[in-house]
């Protein structure tokens, strides 16, 4: 019997390279909550070609692309940021990363230039798992778990994040990272 893999918020989940689900294919997910009730995360490497200020009414003019966070509640907007120590009701994820908090405070800080595009990410929808579901999916090999690294959260290499996370795991994973997305090209 295979032992359970420890899962905690702040972990990255890397979609196995042959995942057929188009919503999760080649996804890199930051896990923001994990507990007895289930898990919540955001896909970090699927930008949507629209600025967040166009998605939200009465939002400051902010030229930052939104991301597809996952297939659950795609009529909602979520955000992670570095300003948790000064944003009321922010939820700590891992070193210097927070989820949510006072939306009004976020807007004010963006208007005043105190939060820039290297400090926050917005997501349309989220990725969610019911109790035990994520553990089961990891056990059958749908997801590869890797450790949190702040360098991968707020950087400009998001489109290559899936590949970079696999390469950083080394060995066999580095080889898997070079598998072409289109199977006929391998």
Protein backbone atom coordinates (compact mmCIF):
# COMPACT_ATOMS: atom_id res chain seq x y z
CA UNK A 1 0.00 0.00 0.00
CA UNK A 2 1.34 3.41 -0.99
CA UNK A 3 1.70 5.90 1.86
CA UNK A 4 -0.19 9.16 1.72
CA UNK A 5 1.64 12.16 0.33
CA UNK A 6 1.46 15.11 2.71
CA UNK A 7 -0.45 18.00 1.16
CA UNK A 8 -0.48 21.53 2.58
CA UNK A 9 -1.43 24.99 1.46
CA UNK A 10 1.42 26.62 -0.39
CA UNK A 11 2.28 23.45 -2.31
CA UNK A 12 2.37 23.54 -6.09
CA UNK A 13 0.47 20.92 -8.06
CA UNK A 14 1.80 20.08 -11.51
CA UNK A 15 -0.57 18.37 -13.94
CA UNK A 16 0.85 15.09 -15.22
CA UNK A 17 1.96 15.55 -18.84
CA UNK A 18 -0.72 13.36 -20.45
CA UNK A 19 -3.72 14.79 -18.59
CA UNK A 20 -6.62 14.92 -21.03
CA UNK A 21 -8.82 17.44 -19.19
CA UNK A 22 -8.30 20.63 -21.26
CA UNK A 23 -9.05 22.82 -18.23
CA UNK A 24 -6.09 21.38 -16.34
CA UNK A 25 -3.76 20.28 -19.16
CA UNK A 26 -0.22 21.47 -18.38
CA UNK A 27 -1.45 23.42 -15.37
CA UNK A 28 0.60 24.60 -12.42
CA UNK A 29 -1.65 25.22 -9.41
CA UNK A 30 -0.81 27.03 -6.18
CA UNK A 31 -2.74 25.34 -3.37
CA UNK A 32 -4.22 28.08 -1.16
CA UNK A 33 -6.25 25.97 1.25
CA UNK A 34 -6.23 22.32 2.23
CA UNK A 35 -8.14 20.78 5.10
CA UNK A 36 -10.71 18.25 6.12
CA UNK A 37 -13.40 19.94 4.02
CA UNK A 38 -11.36 19.90 0.79
CA UNK A 39 -8.85 21.96 -1.14
CA UNK A 40 -8.74 25.22 -3.11
CA UNK A 41 -6.08 26.46 -5.51
CA UNK A 42 -5.49 28.67 -8.51
CA UNK A 43 -4.01 27.83 -11.90
CA UNK A 44 -0.95 30.09 -12.12
CA UNK A 45 -0.03 29.68 -15.78
CA UNK A 46 -3.18 30.36 -17.83
CA UNK A 47 -3.54 34.10 -18.45
CA UNK A 48 -6.72 35.48 -19.93
CA UNK A 49 -6.23 38.17 -22.54
CA UNK A 50 -8.10 40.86 -20.62
CA UNK A 51 -7.02 43.39 -18.00
CA UNK A 52 -8.56 43.00 -14.57
CA UNK A 53 -9.83 46.60 -14.71
CA UNK A 54 -12.10 45.60 -17.62
CA UNK A 55 -13.59 42.71 -15.64
CA UNK A 56 -14.46 44.66 -12.51
CA UNK A 57 -16.73 47.72 -12.41
CA UNK A 58 -15.36 50.74 -10.54
CA UNK A 59 -11.86 49.27 -10.45
CA UNK A 60 -8.73 51.42 -10.86
CA UNK A 61 -7.13 51.52 -14.30
CA UNK A 62 -4.69 48.65 -13.78
CA UNK A 63 -3.02 47.03 -16.77
CA UNK A 64 -2.71 43.54 -15.34
CA UNK A 65 -3.99 40.42 -17.07
CA UNK A 66 -6.37 38.16 -15.17
CA UNK A 67 -5.75 34.42 -15.01
CA UNK A 68 -8.05 31.45 -15.38
CA UNK A 69 -8.01 30.11 -11.82
CA UNK A 70 -9.98 26.97 -12.54
CA UNK A 71 -13.35 25.61 -13.57
CA UNK A 72 -15.22 26.26 -10.30
CA UNK A 73 -17.31 29.45 -9.90
CA UNK A 74 -16.03 31.17 -13.04
CA UNK A 75 -18.32 34.09 -12.25
CA UNK A 76 -16.08 35.04 -9.28
CA UNK A 77 -12.79 36.92 -8.98
CA UNK A 78 -10.10 35.92 -6.48
CA UNK A 79 -6.66 37.33 -5.78
CA UNK A 80 -3.40 36.50 -4.10
CA UNK A 81 -0.96 39.19 -3.05
CA UNK A 82 2.09 40.20 -1.02
CA UNK A 83 0.29 42.83 1.12
CA UNK A 84 -1.29 40.50 3.68
CA UNK A 85 0.18 42.18 6.70
CA UNK A 86 -1.68 45.39 5.85
CA UNK A 87 -4.83 44.05 4.16
CA UNK A 88 -7.61 43.16 6.60
CA UNK A 89 -8.87 39.58 6.51
CA UNK A 90 -6.09 38.28 4.25
CA UNK A 91 -5.43 34.55 4.58
CA UNK A 92 -1.80 33.52 4.93
CA UNK A 93 -0.73 30.89 2.38
CA UNK A 94 3.06 30.69 2.63
CA UNK A 95 6.07 32.99 2.86
CA UNK A 96 4.92 36.47 1.81
CA UNK A 97 1.82 35.23 -0.05
CA UNK A 98 -1.76 35.91 1.04
CA UNK A 99 -5.17 35.14 -0.39
CA UNK A 100 -8.08 37.59 -0.48
CA UNK A 101 -8.79 40.19 2.16
CA UNK A 102 -10.46 43.58 2.00
CA UNK A 103 -11.21 44.33 -1.64
CA UNK A 104 -11.68 48.03 -0.87
CA UNK A 105 -8.22 48.21 0.67
CA UNK A 106 -6.75 46.44 -2.37
CA UNK A 107 -8.39 49.00 -4.69
CA UNK A 108 -7.09 51.95 -2.64
CA UNK A 109 -3.57 50.54 -2.55
CA UNK A 110 -3.62 50.00 -6.32
CA UNK A 111 -4.91 53.57 -6.89
CA UNK A 112 -2.09 54.96 -4.71
CA UNK A 113 0.54 52.83 -6.44
CA UNK A 114 1.29 50.84 -3.29
CA UNK A 115 0.46 47.57 -5.01
CA UNK A 116 1.94 46.98 -8.46
CA UNK A 117 1.71 44.19 -10.97
CA UNK A 118 4.54 42.30 -9.22
CA UNK A 119 2.53 42.20 -5.98
CA UNK A 120 -0.85 40.74 -6.94
CA UNK A 121 -2.55 38.23 -9.26
CA UNK A 122 -6.26 38.03 -10.08
CA UNK A 123 -8.10 34.84 -11.02
CA UNK A 124 -11.43 34.12 -12.68
CA UNK A 125 -12.78 31.06 -10.90
CA UNK A 126 -10.78 28.57 -8.87
CA UNK A 127 -9.77 24.92 -8.72
CA UNK A 128 -11.47 22.92 -5.98
CA UNK A 129 -11.49 19.40 -4.61
CA UNK A 130 -13.87 17.78 -2.14
CA UNK A 131 -12.67 15.99 0.98
CA UNK A 132 -10.12 13.32 0.03
CA UNK A 133 -10.43 13.98 -3.71
CA UNK A 134 -7.06 15.71 -4.16
CA UNK A 135 -5.22 13.01 -2.18
CA UNK A 136 -6.81 10.38 -4.41
CA UNK A 137 -5.87 12.26 -7.60
CA UNK A 138 -2.26 12.58 -6.41
CA UNK A 139 -2.15 8.89 -5.47
CA UNK A 140 -3.29 7.81 -8.96
CA UNK A 141 -0.76 10.15 -10.58
CA UNK A 142 -2.93 12.98 -11.95
CA UNK A 143 -0.90 15.57 -10.04
CA UNK A 144 2.76 15.88 -9.10
CA UNK A 145 3.21 17.76 -5.83
CA UNK A 146 6.19 20.04 -5.36
CA UNK A 147 7.27 22.52 -2.74
CA UNK A 148 6.37 26.18 -2.63
CA UNK A 149 8.86 28.70 -3.99
CA UNK A 150 8.04 32.43 -3.90
CA UNK A 151 10.11 32.94 -7.07
CA UNK A 152 7.40 31.16 -9.08
CA UNK A 153 4.44 33.16 -7.84
CA UNK A 154 5.06 36.75 -8.90
CA UNK A 155 7.33 36.51 -11.92
CA UNK A 156 7.10 36.93 -15.65
CA UNK A 157 7.58 33.29 -16.65
CA UNK A 158 4.03 32.15 -15.97
CA UNK A 159 3.49 30.58 -19.39
CA UNK A 160 6.50 28.30 -18.77
CA UNK A 161 5.70 27.57 -15.12
CA UNK A 162 4.57 23.97 -15.70
CA UNK A 163 7.86 23.17 -17.40
CA UNK A 164 10.02 25.07 -14.88
CA UNK A 165 8.45 23.32 -11.89
CA UNK A 166 9.09 19.91 -13.45
CA UNK A 167 12.67 20.82 -14.37
CA UNK A 168 13.34 21.95 -10.80
CA UNK A 169 12.24 18.55 -9.50
CA UNK A 170 15.16 17.15 -11.52
CA UNK A 171 15.88 13.67 -12.82
CA UNK A 172 12.94 12.00 -14.61
CA UNK A 173 10.76 15.07 -14.12
CA UNK A 174 13.22 17.23 -16.09
CA UNK A 175 12.91 14.79 -19.01
CA UNK A 176 9.10 14.85 -18.75
CA UNK A 177 9.21 18.65 -18.89
CA UNK A 178 10.56 18.45 -22.43
CA UNK A 179 7.69 16.32 -23.75
CA UNK A 180 5.92 18.34 -26.42
CA UNK A 181 2.31 19.29 -25.80
CA UNK A 182 1.24 17.91 -29.16
CA UNK A 183 1.70 14.15 -28.95
CA UNK A 184 2.49 13.79 -32.66
CA UNK A 185 5.57 16.01 -32.18
CA UNK A 186 7.25 13.61 -29.69
